[in-house]
């Protein structure tokens, strides 16, 4: 009497589920890599050896054409103080990061610092400003 086994071992591997997984990972990484944009405005920052890190509340940009931006929205220097205050009014100790191109005149940087100091004096707050730099080579 010959006994036959019902379970036969199949030596083939089904790659359909593996290719689905690879395509899902590819789509995930493509989407997340396009969302990462630390500098929305292209600037050539001045160099420094300092490595100060802080939790930033707001970013002010000054590009080489001397245009001012709050985050990604353009703002006139005359309206800088009220625009900054409207964004940080809920926080009494906000940290504002100033990202200025290295070719920007010092007066433009001082304009932003003066706006923060005026807000601190007028509303009795303790906002800080940090000048963003790139590492020296």
N, C-alpha and C. Protein backbone atom coordinates (compact mmCIF):
# COMPACT_ATOMS: atom_id res chain seq x y z
N UNK A 1 0.84 -1.16 0.00
CA UNK A 1 0.00 0.00 0.00
C UNK A 1 0.90 1.24 0.00
N UNK A 2 0.66 2.09 -0.92
CA UNK A 2 1.46 3.30 -1.07
C UNK A 2 0.76 4.45 -0.36
N UNK A 3 1.50 5.13 0.57
CA UNK A 3 0.95 6.27 1.31
C UNK A 3 1.46 7.54 0.64
N UNK A 4 0.52 8.36 0.27
CA UNK A 4 0.88 9.63 -0.37
C UNK A 4 0.68 10.78 0.62
N UNK A 5 1.58 11.71 0.58
CA UNK A 5 1.43 12.88 1.45
C UNK A 5 0.57 13.93 0.75
N UNK A 6 -0.28 14.55 1.51
CA UNK A 6 -1.17 15.56 0.92
C UNK A 6 -0.48 16.92 0.82
N UNK A 7 0.39 17.24 1.74
CA UNK A 7 1.07 18.53 1.73
C UNK A 7 2.35 18.42 0.93
N UNK A 8 2.38 19.15 -0.15
CA UNK A 8 3.58 19.17 -0.96
C UNK A 8 4.27 20.51 -0.77
N UNK A 9 5.54 20.51 -0.66
CA UNK A 9 6.33 21.73 -0.47
C UNK A 9 6.52 22.40 -1.83
N UNK A 10 6.14 23.71 -1.85
CA UNK A 10 6.28 24.49 -3.08
C UNK A 10 7.55 25.33 -2.97
N UNK A 11 8.45 25.19 -3.89
CA UNK A 11 9.74 25.88 -3.85
C UNK A 11 9.67 27.28 -4.47
N UNK A 12 8.52 27.73 -4.94
CA UNK A 12 8.39 29.04 -5.57
C UNK A 12 8.00 30.09 -4.53
N UNK A 13 8.54 31.30 -4.70
CA UNK A 13 8.27 32.41 -3.78
C UNK A 13 7.45 33.46 -4.53
N UNK A 14 6.36 33.91 -3.93
CA UNK A 14 5.51 34.92 -4.56
C UNK A 14 6.04 36.31 -4.24
N UNK A 15 6.46 37.04 -5.25
CA UNK A 15 7.06 38.36 -5.07
C UNK A 15 6.04 39.50 -5.14
N UNK A 16 4.79 39.24 -5.33
CA UNK A 16 3.78 40.29 -5.49
C UNK A 16 3.67 41.16 -4.24
N UNK A 17 3.63 40.57 -3.08
CA UNK A 17 3.51 41.37 -1.86
C UNK A 17 4.79 42.16 -1.58
N UNK A 18 5.93 41.61 -1.93
CA UNK A 18 7.19 42.32 -1.72
C UNK A 18 7.29 43.55 -2.62
N UNK A 19 6.87 43.44 -3.86
CA UNK A 19 6.92 44.59 -4.76
C UNK A 19 5.92 45.67 -4.32
N UNK A 20 4.77 45.29 -3.78
CA UNK A 20 3.82 46.26 -3.24
C UNK A 20 4.45 47.04 -2.10
N UNK A 21 5.15 46.35 -1.23
CA UNK A 21 5.79 47.00 -0.10
C UNK A 21 6.87 47.96 -0.56
N UNK A 22 7.65 47.57 -1.54
CA UNK A 22 8.70 48.44 -2.06
C UNK A 22 8.11 49.69 -2.68
N UNK A 23 7.05 49.59 -3.42
CA UNK A 23 6.42 50.76 -4.03
C UNK A 23 5.80 51.68 -2.98
N UNK A 24 5.22 51.12 -1.95
CA UNK A 24 4.67 51.95 -0.87
C UNK A 24 5.78 52.72 -0.15
N UNK A 25 6.90 52.08 0.12
CA UNK A 25 8.02 52.77 0.75
C UNK A 25 8.59 53.85 -0.16
N UNK A 26 8.67 53.56 -1.44
CA UNK A 26 9.17 54.55 -2.40
C UNK A 26 8.27 55.78 -2.42
N UNK A 27 6.98 55.60 -2.45
CA UNK A 27 6.04 56.72 -2.44
C UNK A 27 6.15 57.50 -1.14
N UNK A 28 6.26 56.80 -0.01
CA UNK A 28 6.39 57.47 1.29
C UNK A 28 7.62 58.36 1.33
N UNK A 29 8.78 57.85 0.91
CA UNK A 29 10.00 58.63 0.97
C UNK A 29 10.00 59.78 -0.04
N UNK A 30 9.37 59.60 -1.17
CA UNK A 30 9.28 60.69 -2.14
C UNK A 30 8.43 61.83 -1.58
N UNK A 31 7.34 61.50 -0.95
CA UNK A 31 6.46 62.54 -0.39
C UNK A 31 7.12 63.25 0.79
N UNK A 32 7.74 62.52 1.69
CA UNK A 32 8.33 63.16 2.86
C UNK A 32 9.57 63.97 2.50
N UNK A 33 10.31 63.58 1.49
CA UNK A 33 11.50 64.34 1.13
C UNK A 33 11.14 65.67 0.49
N UNK A 34 10.00 65.78 -0.16
CA UNK A 34 9.60 67.06 -0.76
C UNK A 34 9.00 67.99 0.28
N UNK A 35 8.55 67.47 1.42
CA UNK A 35 7.99 68.32 2.46
C UNK A 35 9.05 68.98 3.32
N UNK A 36 10.25 68.44 3.35
CA UNK A 36 11.32 68.99 4.17
C UNK A 36 11.94 70.17 3.42
N UNK A 37 11.76 71.37 3.99
CA UNK A 37 12.32 72.57 3.37
C UNK A 37 12.73 73.54 4.47
N UNK A 38 13.93 73.39 5.05
CA UNK A 38 14.30 74.25 6.17
C UNK A 38 14.46 75.72 5.79
N UNK A 39 15.00 76.00 4.63
CA UNK A 39 15.17 77.37 4.18
C UNK A 39 14.32 77.59 2.94
N UNK A 40 13.17 78.22 3.16
CA UNK A 40 12.27 78.47 2.03
C UNK A 40 12.86 79.54 1.13
N UNK A 41 13.66 80.44 1.68
CA UNK A 41 14.28 81.51 0.93
C UNK A 41 15.78 81.22 0.87
N UNK A 42 16.33 81.18 -0.32
CA UNK A 42 17.73 80.84 -0.49
C UNK A 42 18.61 81.99 -0.02
N UNK A 43 19.46 81.71 0.97
CA UNK A 43 20.37 82.71 1.52
C UNK A 43 21.76 82.13 1.65
N UNK A 44 22.74 82.98 1.56
CA UNK A 44 24.12 82.61 1.83
C UNK A 44 24.45 83.20 3.20
N UNK A 45 24.31 82.38 4.26
CA UNK A 45 24.46 82.86 5.63
C UNK A 45 25.92 83.11 5.97
N UNK A 46 26.18 84.06 6.89
CA UNK A 46 27.55 84.26 7.33
C UNK A 46 28.05 83.05 8.12
N UNK A 47 29.35 82.85 8.15
CA UNK A 47 29.94 81.70 8.82
C UNK A 47 30.24 81.98 10.29
N UNK A 48 30.17 80.94 11.10
CA UNK A 48 30.45 81.06 12.53
C UNK A 48 30.79 79.69 13.10
N UNK A 49 31.54 79.69 14.22
CA UNK A 49 31.84 78.45 14.92
C UNK A 49 30.82 78.16 16.02
N UNK A 50 29.92 79.08 16.28
CA UNK A 50 28.93 78.94 17.35
C UNK A 50 27.91 77.87 16.99
N UNK A 51 27.47 77.12 18.01
CA UNK A 51 26.49 76.06 17.79
C UNK A 51 25.29 76.24 18.71
N UNK A 52 24.80 77.46 18.86
CA UNK A 52 23.66 77.74 19.72
C UNK A 52 22.38 77.25 19.06
N UNK A 53 21.62 76.46 19.81
CA UNK A 53 20.35 75.96 19.31
C UNK A 53 19.25 76.46 20.25
N UNK A 54 18.11 76.81 19.68
CA UNK A 54 16.99 77.28 20.49
C UNK A 54 15.70 76.90 19.80
N UNK A 55 14.65 76.82 20.61
CA UNK A 55 13.33 76.57 20.03
C UNK A 55 12.84 77.87 19.41
N UNK A 56 12.67 77.87 18.13
CA UNK A 56 12.32 79.10 17.44
C UNK A 56 10.82 79.26 17.33
N UNK A 57 10.36 80.49 17.53
CA UNK A 57 8.94 80.80 17.41
C UNK A 57 8.62 81.41 16.06
N UNK A 58 9.57 82.16 15.51
CA UNK A 58 9.34 82.88 14.26
C UNK A 58 10.68 83.07 13.56
N UNK A 59 10.66 83.07 12.23
CA UNK A 59 11.87 83.29 11.46
C UNK A 59 11.69 84.51 10.58
N UNK A 60 12.68 85.41 10.62
CA UNK A 60 12.70 86.60 9.78
C UNK A 60 13.83 86.42 8.78
N UNK A 61 13.53 86.60 7.51
CA UNK A 61 14.53 86.46 6.45
C UNK A 61 14.80 87.83 5.83
N UNK A 62 16.06 88.06 5.48
CA UNK A 62 16.44 89.22 4.66
C UNK A 62 17.30 88.67 3.54
N UNK A 63 16.81 88.77 2.30
CA UNK A 63 17.59 88.23 1.19
C UNK A 63 18.57 89.27 0.65
N UNK A 64 19.38 88.89 -0.33
CA UNK A 64 20.41 89.81 -0.82
C UNK A 64 19.84 91.00 -1.56
N UNK A 65 18.57 90.95 -1.94
CA UNK A 65 17.91 92.11 -2.54
C UNK A 65 17.32 93.03 -1.49
N UNK A 66 17.60 92.75 -0.22
CA UNK A 66 17.17 93.54 0.95
C UNK A 66 15.65 93.51 1.12
N UNK A 67 15.04 92.38 0.76
CA UNK A 67 13.61 92.19 0.99
C UNK A 67 13.43 91.45 2.31
N UNK A 68 12.46 91.88 3.11
CA UNK A 68 12.20 91.28 4.42
C UNK A 68 11.04 90.29 4.28
N UNK A 69 11.15 89.15 4.98
CA UNK A 69 10.11 88.14 4.98
C UNK A 69 9.88 87.66 6.41
N UNK A 70 8.62 87.47 6.78
CA UNK A 70 8.26 86.78 8.02
C UNK A 70 7.81 85.40 7.59
N UNK A 71 8.58 84.38 7.99
CA UNK A 71 8.41 83.02 7.48
C UNK A 71 8.54 83.09 5.96
N UNK A 72 7.46 83.00 5.20
CA UNK A 72 7.57 83.06 3.74
C UNK A 72 6.78 84.21 3.14
N UNK A 73 6.25 85.10 3.98
CA UNK A 73 5.45 86.21 3.49
C UNK A 73 6.26 87.51 3.50
N UNK A 74 6.29 88.25 2.39
CA UNK A 74 7.04 89.51 2.36
C UNK A 74 6.40 90.56 3.27
N UNK A 75 7.24 91.39 3.86
CA UNK A 75 6.76 92.46 4.75
C UNK A 75 7.66 93.68 4.55
N UNK A 76 7.06 94.86 4.66
CA UNK A 76 7.81 96.11 4.53
C UNK A 76 8.53 96.38 5.85
N UNK A 77 9.73 96.98 5.80
CA UNK A 77 10.46 97.27 7.05
C UNK A 77 9.67 98.18 7.99
N UNK A 78 8.84 99.06 7.45
CA UNK A 78 8.06 99.96 8.31
C UNK A 78 6.96 99.21 9.07
N UNK A 79 6.52 98.08 8.57
CA UNK A 79 5.48 97.30 9.22
C UNK A 79 6.03 96.09 9.97
N UNK A 80 7.33 96.00 10.06
CA UNK A 80 7.97 94.84 10.65
C UNK A 80 7.57 94.64 12.12
N UNK A 81 7.59 95.71 12.89
CA UNK A 81 7.29 95.60 14.32
C UNK A 81 5.88 95.07 14.56
N UNK A 82 4.88 95.64 13.91
CA UNK A 82 3.50 95.19 14.16
C UNK A 82 3.24 93.81 13.59
N UNK A 83 3.89 93.44 12.50
CA UNK A 83 3.71 92.10 11.93
C UNK A 83 4.34 91.04 12.84
N UNK A 84 5.51 91.35 13.38
CA UNK A 84 6.16 90.40 14.31
C UNK A 84 5.30 90.25 15.56
N UNK A 85 4.84 91.37 16.11
CA UNK A 85 4.06 91.30 17.34
C UNK A 85 2.75 90.54 17.13
N UNK A 86 2.14 90.68 15.97
CA UNK A 86 0.88 89.96 15.73
C UNK A 86 1.10 88.45 15.71
N UNK A 87 2.31 88.01 15.37
CA UNK A 87 2.59 86.57 15.33
C UNK A 87 3.04 85.99 16.67
N UNK A 88 3.63 86.84 17.55
CA UNK A 88 4.17 86.31 18.81
C UNK A 88 3.48 86.90 20.02
N UNK A 89 2.34 87.52 19.85
CA UNK A 89 1.69 88.19 20.98
C UNK A 89 1.27 87.23 22.09
N UNK A 90 0.98 85.99 21.76
CA UNK A 90 0.56 85.02 22.77
C UNK A 90 1.73 84.53 23.63
N UNK A 91 2.95 84.73 23.17
CA UNK A 91 4.13 84.23 23.86
C UNK A 91 4.92 85.42 24.44
N UNK A 92 5.30 85.34 25.70
CA UNK A 92 6.05 86.45 26.31
C UNK A 92 7.56 86.25 26.22
N UNK A 93 8.00 85.06 25.83
CA UNK A 93 9.44 84.79 25.72
C UNK A 93 9.75 84.06 24.42
N UNK A 94 9.33 84.62 23.32
CA UNK A 94 9.55 83.99 22.01
C UNK A 94 11.01 84.16 21.58
N UNK A 95 11.45 83.24 20.74
CA UNK A 95 12.77 83.33 20.14
C UNK A 95 12.61 83.54 18.65
N UNK A 96 13.12 84.65 18.16
CA UNK A 96 13.03 84.99 16.74
C UNK A 96 14.39 84.72 16.12
N UNK A 97 14.40 83.95 15.04
CA UNK A 97 15.63 83.64 14.32
C UNK A 97 15.73 84.56 13.12
N UNK A 98 16.84 85.26 13.01
CA UNK A 98 17.08 86.17 11.89
C UNK A 98 18.03 85.49 10.92
N UNK A 99 17.56 85.24 9.73
CA UNK A 99 18.38 84.65 8.67
C UNK A 99 18.61 85.72 7.62
N UNK A 100 19.79 86.32 7.65
CA UNK A 100 20.13 87.39 6.73
C UNK A 100 21.26 86.94 5.82
N UNK A 101 21.14 87.26 4.55
CA UNK A 101 22.21 86.96 3.60
C UNK A 101 23.49 87.69 4.03
N UNK A 102 24.64 87.11 3.74
CA UNK A 102 25.89 87.72 4.21
C UNK A 102 26.18 89.05 3.54
N UNK A 103 25.53 89.36 2.41
CA UNK A 103 25.77 90.64 1.73
C UNK A 103 24.84 91.75 2.20
N UNK A 104 23.93 91.45 3.13
CA UNK A 104 22.96 92.44 3.62
C UNK A 104 23.68 93.45 4.51
N UNK A 105 23.39 94.75 4.34
CA UNK A 105 24.01 95.75 5.22
C UNK A 105 23.57 95.56 6.67
N UNK A 106 24.46 95.95 7.58
CA UNK A 106 24.19 95.81 9.01
C UNK A 106 22.93 96.59 9.41
N UNK A 107 22.65 97.67 8.75
CA UNK A 107 21.48 98.49 9.10
C UNK A 107 20.19 97.68 9.00
N UNK A 108 20.08 96.79 8.02
CA UNK A 108 18.88 95.97 7.89
C UNK A 108 18.74 95.00 9.07
N UNK A 109 19.86 94.47 9.53
CA UNK A 109 19.85 93.58 10.69
C UNK A 109 19.46 94.36 11.94
N UNK A 110 20.00 95.57 12.07
CA UNK A 110 19.68 96.42 13.21
C UNK A 110 18.20 96.81 13.19
N UNK A 111 17.61 96.96 12.03
CA UNK A 111 16.19 97.28 11.92
C UNK A 111 15.34 96.19 12.57
N UNK A 112 15.68 94.94 12.34
CA UNK A 112 14.94 93.82 12.94
C UNK A 112 15.18 93.78 14.44
N UNK A 113 16.43 93.96 14.87
CA UNK A 113 16.74 93.95 16.30
C UNK A 113 16.01 95.08 17.01
N UNK A 114 15.98 96.26 16.40
CA UNK A 114 15.25 97.39 16.99
C UNK A 114 13.76 97.10 17.11
N UNK A 115 13.19 96.43 16.11
CA UNK A 115 11.77 96.10 16.16
C UNK A 115 11.48 95.17 17.35
N UNK A 116 12.34 94.19 17.59
CA UNK A 116 12.17 93.27 18.72
C UNK A 116 12.36 94.01 20.04
N UNK A 117 13.37 94.87 20.11
CA UNK A 117 13.60 95.64 21.34
C UNK A 117 12.44 96.58 21.63
N UNK A 118 11.86 97.16 20.60
CA UNK A 118 10.70 98.05 20.78
C UNK A 118 9.49 97.27 21.30
N UNK A 119 9.29 96.07 20.78
CA UNK A 119 8.19 95.21 21.26
C UNK A 119 8.43 94.87 22.74
N UNK A 120 9.67 94.52 23.09
CA UNK A 120 9.99 94.19 24.48
C UNK A 120 9.74 95.37 25.42
N UNK A 121 10.11 96.56 24.99
CA UNK A 121 9.94 97.74 25.84
C UNK A 121 8.46 98.13 25.96
N UNK A 122 7.76 98.04 24.86
CA UNK A 122 6.36 98.50 24.84
C UNK A 122 5.42 97.54 25.56
N UNK A 123 5.63 96.24 25.41
CA UNK A 123 4.70 95.25 25.97
C UNK A 123 5.28 94.49 27.16
N UNK A 124 6.44 94.91 27.66
CA UNK A 124 7.09 94.28 28.83
C UNK A 124 7.27 92.77 28.63
N UNK A 125 7.81 92.40 27.48
CA UNK A 125 8.07 90.99 27.16
C UNK A 125 9.57 90.74 27.17
N UNK A 126 9.95 89.48 26.99
CA UNK A 126 11.37 89.10 26.98
C UNK A 126 11.70 88.27 25.74
N UNK A 127 11.37 88.80 24.58
CA UNK A 127 11.67 88.10 23.33
C UNK A 127 13.17 88.19 23.04
N UNK A 128 13.70 87.11 22.45
CA UNK A 128 15.11 87.06 22.09
C UNK A 128 15.24 86.96 20.58
N UNK A 129 16.36 87.42 20.08
CA UNK A 129 16.64 87.30 18.64
C UNK A 129 17.98 86.60 18.48
N UNK A 130 18.03 85.66 17.55
CA UNK A 130 19.23 84.89 17.26
C UNK A 130 19.58 85.08 15.79
N UNK A 131 20.83 85.37 15.51
CA UNK A 131 21.29 85.49 14.12
C UNK A 131 21.74 84.12 13.65
N UNK A 132 21.09 83.61 12.61
CA UNK A 132 21.42 82.29 12.06
C UNK A 132 22.70 82.40 11.24
N UNK A 133 23.56 81.40 11.39
CA UNK A 133 24.81 81.36 10.64
C UNK A 133 25.01 79.96 10.08
N UNK A 134 25.94 79.85 9.15
CA UNK A 134 26.30 78.52 8.64
C UNK A 134 27.67 78.17 9.22
N UNK A 135 27.98 76.87 9.35
CA UNK A 135 29.27 76.48 9.93
C UNK A 135 30.43 76.91 9.04
N UNK A 136 31.54 77.31 9.67
CA UNK A 136 32.74 77.68 8.92
C UNK A 136 33.37 76.44 8.33
N UNK A 137 33.97 76.62 7.18
CA UNK A 137 34.61 75.48 6.51
C UNK A 137 36.06 75.39 6.80
